[in-house]
C-alpha atoms as a PDB file:
ATOM      1  CA  UNK A   1      24.658   7.217 -21.424  1.00  0.00           C
ATOM      2  CA  UNK A   2      22.179   5.433 -23.408  1.00  0.00           C
ATOM      3  CA  UNK A   3      24.890   2.430 -24.019  1.00  0.00           C
ATOM      4  CA  UNK A   4      25.219   2.438 -20.196  1.00  0.00           C
ATOM      5  CA  UNK A   5      21.601   1.951 -19.692  1.00  0.00           C
ATOM      6  CA  UNK A   6      21.249  -0.579 -22.508  1.00  0.00           C
ATOM      7  CA  UNK A   7      24.175  -2.642 -21.747  1.00  0.00           C
ATOM      8  CA  UNK A   8      22.469  -4.679 -18.751  1.00  0.00           C
ATOM      9  CA  UNK A   9      19.017  -4.705 -20.383  1.00  0.00           C
ATOM     10  CA  UNK A  10      20.719  -6.172 -23.571  1.00  0.00           C
ATOM     11  CA  UNK A  11      22.605  -9.042 -21.486  1.00  0.00           C
ATOM     12  CA  UNK A  12      19.475 -10.198 -19.566  1.00  0.00           C
ATOM     13  CA  UNK A  13      17.591  -9.769 -22.858  1.00  0.00           C
ATOM     14  CA  UNK A  14      19.967 -12.328 -24.335  1.00  0.00           C
ATOM     15  CA  UNK A  15      20.051 -14.515 -21.647  1.00  0.00           C
ATOM     16  CA  UNK A  16      16.061 -14.993 -21.157  1.00  0.00           C
ATOM     17  CA  UNK A  17      15.738 -15.068 -25.032  1.00  0.00           C
ATOM     18  CA  UNK A  18      18.168 -17.954 -25.726  1.00  0.00           C
ATOM     19  CA  UNK A  19      16.795 -19.796 -22.607  1.00  0.00           C
ATOM     20  CA  UNK A  20      13.644 -20.375 -24.841  1.00  0.00           C
ATOM     21  CA  UNK A  21      13.671 -23.968 -26.822  1.00  0.00           C
ATOM     22  CA  UNK A  22      11.293 -22.311 -29.273  1.00  0.00           C
ATOM     23  CA  UNK A  23      12.601 -18.731 -29.642  1.00  0.00           C
ATOM     24  CA  UNK A  24       9.910 -16.057 -30.200  1.00  0.00           C
ATOM     25  CA  UNK A  25      10.064 -13.817 -33.495  1.00  0.00           C
ATOM     26  CA  UNK A  26      12.405 -11.028 -32.863  1.00  0.00           C
ATOM     27  CA  UNK A  27       9.711  -8.275 -33.957  1.00  0.00           C
ATOM     28  CA  UNK A  28       7.262  -9.806 -31.026  1.00  0.00           C
ATOM     29  CA  UNK A  29      10.112  -9.639 -28.431  1.00  0.00           C
ATOM     30  CA  UNK A  30      10.764  -6.065 -29.567  1.00  0.00           C
ATOM     31  CA  UNK A  31       6.938  -5.217 -29.542  1.00  0.00           C
ATOM     32  CA  UNK A  32       6.877  -6.454 -25.867  1.00  0.00           C
ATOM     33  CA  UNK A  33      10.202  -4.229 -24.989  1.00  0.00           C
ATOM     34  CA  UNK A  34       8.415  -1.285 -26.517  1.00  0.00           C
ATOM     35  CA  UNK A  35       5.430  -2.024 -24.497  1.00  0.00           C
ATOM     36  CA  UNK A  36       7.753  -1.990 -21.382  1.00  0.00           C
ATOM     37  CA  UNK A  37       9.063   1.788 -22.371  1.00  0.00           C
ATOM     38  CA  UNK A  38       5.569   2.776 -22.764  1.00  0.00           C
ATOM     39  CA  UNK A  39       4.961   1.675 -19.197  1.00  0.00           C
ATOM     40  CA  UNK A  40       7.185   4.598 -17.797  1.00  0.00           C
ATOM     41  CA  UNK A  41       4.669   7.553 -19.136  1.00  0.00           C
ATOM     42  CA  UNK A  42       1.761   5.600 -18.136  1.00  0.00           C
ATOM     43  CA  UNK A  43       2.876   5.546 -14.495  1.00  0.00           C
ATOM     44  CA  UNK A  44       3.915   9.150 -14.849  1.00  0.00           C
ATOM     45  CA  UNK A  45       0.584   9.707 -15.974  1.00  0.00           C
ATOM     46  CA  UNK A  46      -0.922   8.111 -13.064  1.00  0.00           C
ATOM     47  CA  UNK A  47       1.119   9.635 -10.526  1.00  0.00           C
ATOM     48  CA  UNK A  48      -0.200  13.147 -11.949  1.00  0.00           C
ATOM     49  CA  UNK A  49      -3.794  12.569 -12.260  1.00  0.00           C
ATOM     50  CA  UNK A  50      -4.168  10.555  -9.046  1.00  0.00           C
ATOM     51  CA  UNK A  51      -3.915  11.778  -5.339  1.00  0.00           C
ATOM     52  CA  UNK A  52      -0.669   9.761  -4.954  1.00  0.00           C
ATOM     53  CA  UNK A  53       0.744  11.764  -2.161  1.00  0.00           C
ATOM     54  CA  UNK A  54      -1.253  10.055   0.371  1.00  0.00           C
ATOM     55  CA  UNK A  55       0.701   7.012  -0.336  1.00  0.00           C
ATOM     56  CA  UNK A  56       3.906   8.848   0.032  1.00  0.00           C
ATOM     57  CA  UNK A  57       3.435   9.492   3.849  1.00  0.00           C
ATOM     58  CA  UNK A  58       5.350   6.402   4.880  1.00  0.00           C
ATOM     59  CA  UNK A  59       8.115   4.003   3.526  1.00  0.00           C
ATOM     60  CA  UNK A  60       5.824   1.104   3.670  1.00  0.00           C
ATOM     61  CA  UNK A  61       3.266   2.944   1.419  1.00  0.00           C
ATOM     62  CA  UNK A  62       5.735   4.403  -0.808  1.00  0.00           C
ATOM     63  CA  UNK A  63       7.221   1.030  -1.515  1.00  0.00           C
ATOM     64  CA  UNK A  64       4.092  -1.089  -1.876  1.00  0.00           C
ATOM     65  CA  UNK A  65       1.558   1.515  -3.336  1.00  0.00           C
ATOM     66  CA  UNK A  66       3.484   4.546  -5.118  1.00  0.00           C
ATOM     67  CA  UNK A  67       6.085   1.924  -6.730  1.00  0.00           C
ATOM     68  CA  UNK A  68       5.213  -1.430  -6.662  1.00  0.00           C
ATOM     69  CA  UNK A  69       1.506  -1.440  -7.176  1.00  0.00           C
ATOM     70  CA  UNK A  70       1.420   1.316  -9.986  1.00  0.00           C
ATOM     71  CA  UNK A  71       4.407   0.028 -11.816  1.00  0.00           C
ATOM     72  CA  UNK A  72       3.435  -3.758 -11.853  1.00  0.00           C
ATOM     73  CA  UNK A  73      -0.002  -2.925 -12.588  1.00  0.00           C
ATOM     74  CA  UNK A  74       1.033  -0.986 -15.587  1.00  0.00           C
ATOM     75  CA  UNK A  75       3.484  -3.578 -16.780  1.00  0.00           C
ATOM     76  CA  UNK A  76       0.778  -6.248 -16.810  1.00  0.00           C
ATOM     77  CA  UNK A  77      -1.876  -3.896 -18.417  1.00  0.00           C
ATOM     78  CA  UNK A  78       0.341  -3.566 -21.402  1.00  0.00           C
ATOM     79  CA  UNK A  79       1.785  -7.083 -21.470  1.00  0.00           C
ATOM     80  CA  UNK A  80      -1.804  -8.270 -21.661  1.00  0.00           C
ATOM     81  CA  UNK A  81      -2.528  -5.907 -24.135  1.00  0.00           C
ATOM     82  CA  UNK A  82       0.051  -6.523 -26.383  1.00  0.00           C
ATOM     83  CA  UNK A  83       0.945  -9.985 -25.935  1.00  0.00           C
ATOM     84  CA  UNK A  84      -2.088 -12.154 -24.651  1.00  0.00           C
ATOM     85  CA  UNK A  85      -3.795 -12.563 -27.932  1.00  0.00           C
ATOM     86  CA  UNK A  86      -0.855 -12.833 -29.945  1.00  0.00           C
ATOM     87  CA  UNK A  87      -0.421 -15.966 -32.127  1.00  0.00           C
ATOM     88  CA  UNK A  88       3.148 -16.281 -31.418  1.00  0.00           C
ATOM     89  CA  UNK A  89       2.112 -16.798 -27.456  1.00  0.00           C
ATOM     90  CA  UNK A  90       1.774 -20.639 -27.801  1.00  0.00           C
ATOM     91  CA  UNK A  91       3.422 -22.150 -24.907  1.00  0.00           C
ATOM     92  CA  UNK A  92       3.890 -21.508 -21.300  1.00  0.00           C
ATOM     93  CA  UNK A  93       7.401 -20.538 -21.451  1.00  0.00           C
ATOM     94  CA  UNK A  94       6.557 -17.678 -23.669  1.00  0.00           C
ATOM     95  CA  UNK A  95       4.717 -15.973 -20.951  1.00  0.00           C
ATOM     96  CA  UNK A  96       8.089 -15.653 -19.117  1.00  0.00           C
ATOM     97  CA  UNK A  97      10.085 -14.192 -22.363  1.00  0.00           C
ATOM     98  CA  UNK A  98       7.139 -11.580 -23.111  1.00  0.00           C
ATOM     99  CA  UNK A  99       6.921 -10.496 -19.528  1.00  0.00           C
ATOM    100  CA  UNK A 100      10.657 -10.232 -19.021  1.00  0.00           C
ATOM    101  CA  UNK A 101      11.015  -8.039 -22.100  1.00  0.00           C
ATOM    102  CA  UNK A 102       8.282  -5.708 -20.699  1.00  0.00           C
ATOM    103  CA  UNK A 103      10.141  -5.608 -17.531  1.00  0.00           C
ATOM    104  CA  UNK A 104      13.395  -4.718 -19.308  1.00  0.00           C
ATOM    105  CA  UNK A 105      11.800  -2.112 -21.485  1.00  0.00           C
ATOM    106  CA  UNK A 106      10.537  -0.317 -18.384  1.00  0.00           C
ATOM    107  CA  UNK A 107      13.975  -0.790 -16.701  1.00  0.00           C
ATOM    108  CA  UNK A 108      15.704   0.783 -19.391  1.00  0.00           C
ATOM    109  CA  UNK A 109      13.822   3.812 -19.867  1.00  0.00           C
ATOM    110  CA  UNK A 110      13.870   4.231 -15.935  1.00  0.00           C
ATOM    111  CA  UNK A 111      17.407   3.590 -15.768  1.00  0.00           C
ATOM    112  CA  UNK A 112      18.213   6.161 -18.512  1.00  0.00           C
ATOM    113  CA  UNK A 113      16.033   8.829 -17.032  1.00  0.00           C
ATOM    114  CA  UNK A 114      17.821   8.089 -13.376  1.00  0.00           C
ATOM    115  CA  UNK A 115      21.279   8.388 -15.376  1.00  0.00           C
ATOM    116  CA  UNK A 116      20.755  11.592 -17.198  1.00  0.00           C
ATOM    117  CA  UNK A 117      19.563  12.896 -13.998  1.00  0.00           C
ATOM    118  CA  UNK A 118      22.411  12.000 -11.711  1.00  0.00           C
ATOM    119  CA  UNK A 119      25.315  14.159 -10.909  1.00  0.00           C
ATOM    120  CA  UNK A 120      27.632  11.042 -11.313  1.00  0.00           C
ATOM    121  CA  UNK A 121      26.110   9.149 -14.007  1.00  0.00           C
ATOM    122  CA  UNK A 122      28.924   6.489 -14.500  1.00  0.00           C
ATOM    123  CA  UNK A 123      28.270   5.487 -10.834  1.00  0.00           C
ATOM    124  CA  UNK A 124      24.683   5.684 -11.012  1.00  0.00           C
ATOM    125  CA  UNK A 125      24.497   3.545 -13.816  1.00  0.00           C
ATOM    126  CA  UNK A 126      26.929   0.798 -12.687  1.00  0.00           C
ATOM    127  CA  UNK A 127      24.809   0.497  -9.544  1.00  0.00           C
ATOM    128  CA  UNK A 128      21.760   0.352 -11.049  1.00  0.00           C
ATOM    129  CA  UNK A 129      23.141  -2.277 -13.364  1.00  0.00           C
ATOM    130  CA  UNK A 130      23.489  -4.536 -10.616  1.00  0.00           C
ATOM    131  CA  UNK A 131      20.612  -3.596  -8.640  1.00  0.00           C
ATOM    132  CA  UNK A 132      17.381  -2.080 -10.078  1.00  0.00           C
ATOM    133  CA  UNK A 133      17.674  -3.499 -13.578  1.00  0.00           C
ATOM    134  CA  UNK A 134      18.105  -7.306 -12.497  1.00  0.00           C
ATOM    135  CA  UNK A 135      15.169  -6.473  -9.912  1.00  0.00           C
ATOM    136  CA  UNK A 136      12.799  -5.455 -12.479  1.00  0.00           C
ATOM    137  CA  UNK A 137      13.821  -8.522 -14.494  1.00  0.00           C
ATOM    138  CA  UNK A 138      13.193 -10.703 -11.790  1.00  0.00           C
ATOM    139  CA  UNK A 139       9.876  -9.222 -11.261  1.00  0.00           C
ATOM    140  CA  UNK A 140       9.140  -9.783 -15.085  1.00  0.00           C
ATOM    141  CA  UNK A 141       9.867 -13.461 -14.530  1.00  0.00           C
ATOM    142  CA  UNK A 142       7.618 -13.849 -11.638  1.00  0.00           C
ATOM    143  CA  UNK A 143       4.904 -12.206 -13.797  1.00  0.00           C
ATOM    144  CA  UNK A 144       5.442 -14.104 -16.685  1.00  0.00           C
ATOM    145  CA  UNK A 145       5.545 -17.592 -14.731  1.00  0.00           C
ATOM    146  CA  UNK A 146       1.852 -17.091 -13.725  1.00  0.00           C
ATOM    147  CA  UNK A 147       1.031 -15.313 -17.039  1.00  0.00           C
ATOM    148  CA  UNK A 148       2.429 -18.231 -18.911  1.00  0.00           C
ATOM    149  CA  UNK A 149       0.197 -20.765 -17.058  1.00  0.00           C
ATOM    150  CA  UNK A 150      -2.696 -18.569 -17.332  1.00  0.00           C
ATOM    151  CA  UNK A 151      -2.860 -18.744 -21.099  1.00  0.00           C
ATOM    152  CA  UNK A 152      -3.023 -22.678 -20.912  1.00  0.00           C
ATOM    153  CA  UNK A 153      -4.893 -23.596 -17.966  1.00  0.00           C
ATOM    154  CA  UNK A 154      -8.765 -24.406 -18.007  1.00  0.00           C
ATOM    155  CA  UNK A 155     -10.820 -21.131 -18.033  1.00  0.00           C
ATOM    156  CA  UNK A 156     -11.764 -21.715 -14.393  1.00  0.00           C
ATOM    157  CA  UNK A 157      -8.274 -21.049 -13.496  1.00  0.00           C
ATOM    158  CA  UNK A 158      -7.354 -18.140 -15.982  1.00  0.00           C
ATOM    159  CA  UNK A 159      -8.744 -15.558 -13.425  1.00  0.00           C
ATOM    160  CA  UNK A 160      -6.601 -16.930 -10.391  1.00  0.00           C
ATOM    161  CA  UNK A 161      -3.344 -17.213 -12.368  1.00  0.00           C
ATOM    162  CA  UNK A 162      -4.036 -13.683 -13.738  1.00  0.00           C
ATOM    163  CA  UNK A 163      -4.343 -12.304 -10.183  1.00  0.00           C
ATOM    164  CA  UNK A 164      -1.156 -14.241  -8.979  1.00  0.00           C
ATOM    165  CA  UNK A 165       0.891 -12.543 -12.068  1.00  0.00           C
ATOM    166  CA  UNK A 166      -0.189  -9.209 -10.769  1.00  0.00           C
ATOM    167  CA  UNK A 167      -0.075  -9.933  -6.889  1.00  0.00           C
ATOM    168  CA  UNK A 168       3.199 -11.805  -6.658  1.00  0.00           C
ATOM    169  CA  UNK A 169       5.439  -9.139  -8.519  1.00  0.00           C
ATOM    170  CA  UNK A 170       3.609  -6.209  -6.488  1.00  0.00           C
ATOM    171  CA  UNK A 171       4.684  -8.240  -3.170  1.00  0.00           C
ATOM    172  CA  UNK A 172       8.389  -8.613  -4.215  1.00  0.00           C
ATOM    173  CA  UNK A 173       8.768  -5.431  -5.736  1.00  0.00           C
ATOM    174  CA  UNK A 174       7.260  -3.819  -2.703  1.00  0.00           C
ATOM    175  CA  UNK A 175       9.549  -5.829  -0.538  1.00  0.00           C
ATOM    176  CA  UNK A 176      12.662  -4.877  -2.455  1.00  0.00           C
ATOM    177  CA  UNK A 177      11.671  -1.183  -2.331  1.00  0.00           C
ATOM    178  CA  UNK A 178      10.820  -1.190   1.404  1.00  0.00           C
ATOM    179  CA  UNK A 179      14.200  -2.912   2.227  1.00  0.00           C
ATOM    180  CA  UNK A 180      16.086  -0.543   0.119  1.00  0.00           C
ATOM    181  CA  UNK A 181      14.454   2.251   2.039  1.00  0.00           C
ATOM    182  CA  UNK A 182      15.226   0.564   5.413  1.00  0.00           C
ATOM    183  CA  UNK A 183      18.757  -0.127   4.464  1.00  0.00           C
ATOM    184  CA  UNK A 184      19.146   3.688   3.599  1.00  0.00           C
ATOM    185  CA  UNK A 185      17.658   4.312   7.097  1.00  0.00           C
ATOM    186  CA  UNK A 186      20.138   1.820   8.798  1.00  0.00           C
ATOM    187  CA  UNK A 187      23.134   3.550   6.876  1.00  0.00           C
ATOM    188  CA  UNK A 188      22.123   6.858   7.874  1.00  0.00           C
ATOM    189  CA  UNK A 189      21.882   5.636  11.567  1.00  0.00           C
ATOM    190  CA  UNK A 190      25.302   3.804  11.609  1.00  0.00           C
ATOM    191  CA  UNK A 191      24.143   0.457  11.054  1.00  0.00           C
ATOM    192  CA  UNK A 192      25.800  -0.356   7.708  1.00  0.00           C
ATOM    193  CA  UNK A 193      26.879  -3.821   8.430  1.00  0.00           C
ATOM    194  CA  UNK A 194      23.281  -4.536   9.113  1.00  0.00           C
ATOM    195  CA  UNK A 195      22.010  -2.951   6.046  1.00  0.00           C
ATOM    196  CA  UNK A 196      24.534  -4.869   4.170  1.00  0.00           C
ATOM    197  CA  UNK A 197      23.424  -8.019   5.326  1.00  0.00           C
ATOM    198  CA  UNK A 198      19.891  -7.527   4.945  1.00  0.00           C
ATOM    199  CA  UNK A 199      20.236  -6.537   1.284  1.00  0.00           C
ATOM    200  CA  UNK A 200      22.513  -9.558   0.535  1.00  0.00           C
ATOM    201  CA  UNK A 201      20.363 -11.845   2.004  1.00  0.00           C
ATOM    202  CA  UNK A 202      17.346 -10.507  -0.131  1.00  0.00           C
ATOM    203  CA  UNK A 203      19.312 -10.631  -3.471  1.00  0.00           C
ATOM    204  CA  UNK A 204      20.187 -14.262  -2.788  1.00  0.00           C
ATOM    205  CA  UNK A 205      16.664 -15.009  -2.188  1.00  0.00           C
ATOM    206  CA  UNK A 206      15.675 -13.314  -5.414  1.00  0.00           C
ATOM    207  CA  UNK A 207      18.101 -15.232  -7.356  1.00  0.00           C
ATOM    208  CA  UNK A 208      17.144 -18.404  -5.800  1.00  0.00           C
ATOM    209  CA  UNK A 209      13.317 -18.071  -6.621  1.00  0.00           C
ATOM    210  CA  UNK A 210      14.121 -16.649 -10.115  1.00  0.00           C
ATOM    211  CA  UNK A 211      16.290 -19.763 -10.913  1.00  0.00           C
ATOM    212  CA  UNK A 212      13.297 -22.028  -9.588  1.00  0.00           C
ATOM    213  CA  UNK A 213      10.760 -20.074 -11.880  1.00  0.00           C
ATOM    214  CA  UNK A 214      12.777 -20.366 -15.015  1.00  0.00           C
ATOM    215  CA  UNK A 215      13.703 -23.982 -14.470  1.00  0.00           C
ATOM    216  CA  UNK A 216      10.064 -24.798 -14.031  1.00  0.00           C
ATOM    217  CA  UNK A 217       8.666 -22.898 -16.908  1.00  0.00           C
ATOM    218  CA  UNK A 218      11.737 -24.070 -19.189  1.00  0.00           C
ATOM    219  CA  UNK A 219      10.421 -27.761 -18.254  1.00  0.00           C
ATOM    220  CA  UNK A 220       6.684 -27.155 -18.882  1.00  0.00           C
ATOM    221  CA  UNK A 221       7.694 -25.436 -22.346  1.00  0.00           C
ATOM    222  CA  UNK A 222       9.766 -28.393 -23.315  1.00  0.00           C
ATOM    223  CA  UNK A 223       7.452 -31.069 -22.345  1.00  0.00           C
ATOM    224  CA  UNK A 224       4.230 -29.208 -22.989  1.00  0.00           C
ATOM    225  CA  UNK A 225       2.955 -29.979 -19.505  1.00  0.00           C
ATOM    226  CA  UNK A 226       1.132 -28.055 -17.015  1.00  0.00           C
ATOM    227  CA  UNK A 227       1.082 -28.748 -13.234  1.00  0.00           C
END
């Protein structure tokens, strides 16, 4: 089961790691991955001590608050604490590498928990390998894009970039979760084709945005340029 949860994480991690022209030390990348794993108990703790039941009354609140806001804010917090002052964080593209590995650490443990709790772990693992794990990876790309810029822009612009590093992943994560809930509702009400089209369009949009973000940061990293 661990291998089933780890395989998509490993492949996505290899992809982003080798996209970096000046690759980060393995130890620092693993540190980011462990930080992502620690996000899971942090989110569970927040849900246990805060009155989160008020956010579970509608699909919109569940998607954008209980899931997206809690998870992305927790990822950002540990990314900042573990990475911001790291001496190896020395170019914009590093932001995307470290944020992606934080996201993958979270995705790994969350995926493992779902697989272990599932009555059909193989199906659950395969489905999440093509949905939830790449989605968290994409949210990490979006966060890392802004996080990497924030590190190297003038001080007056840092708060703005750091805010975007939190807000944008929350928006995309919230849309993702909300569309899943909406697709489930459509399936339950006999609109399977509409649900499939809705999710297909969203995933295509995700891939396009992800590719633009990676290419832009890769160019800035290679030439040491900022927009």
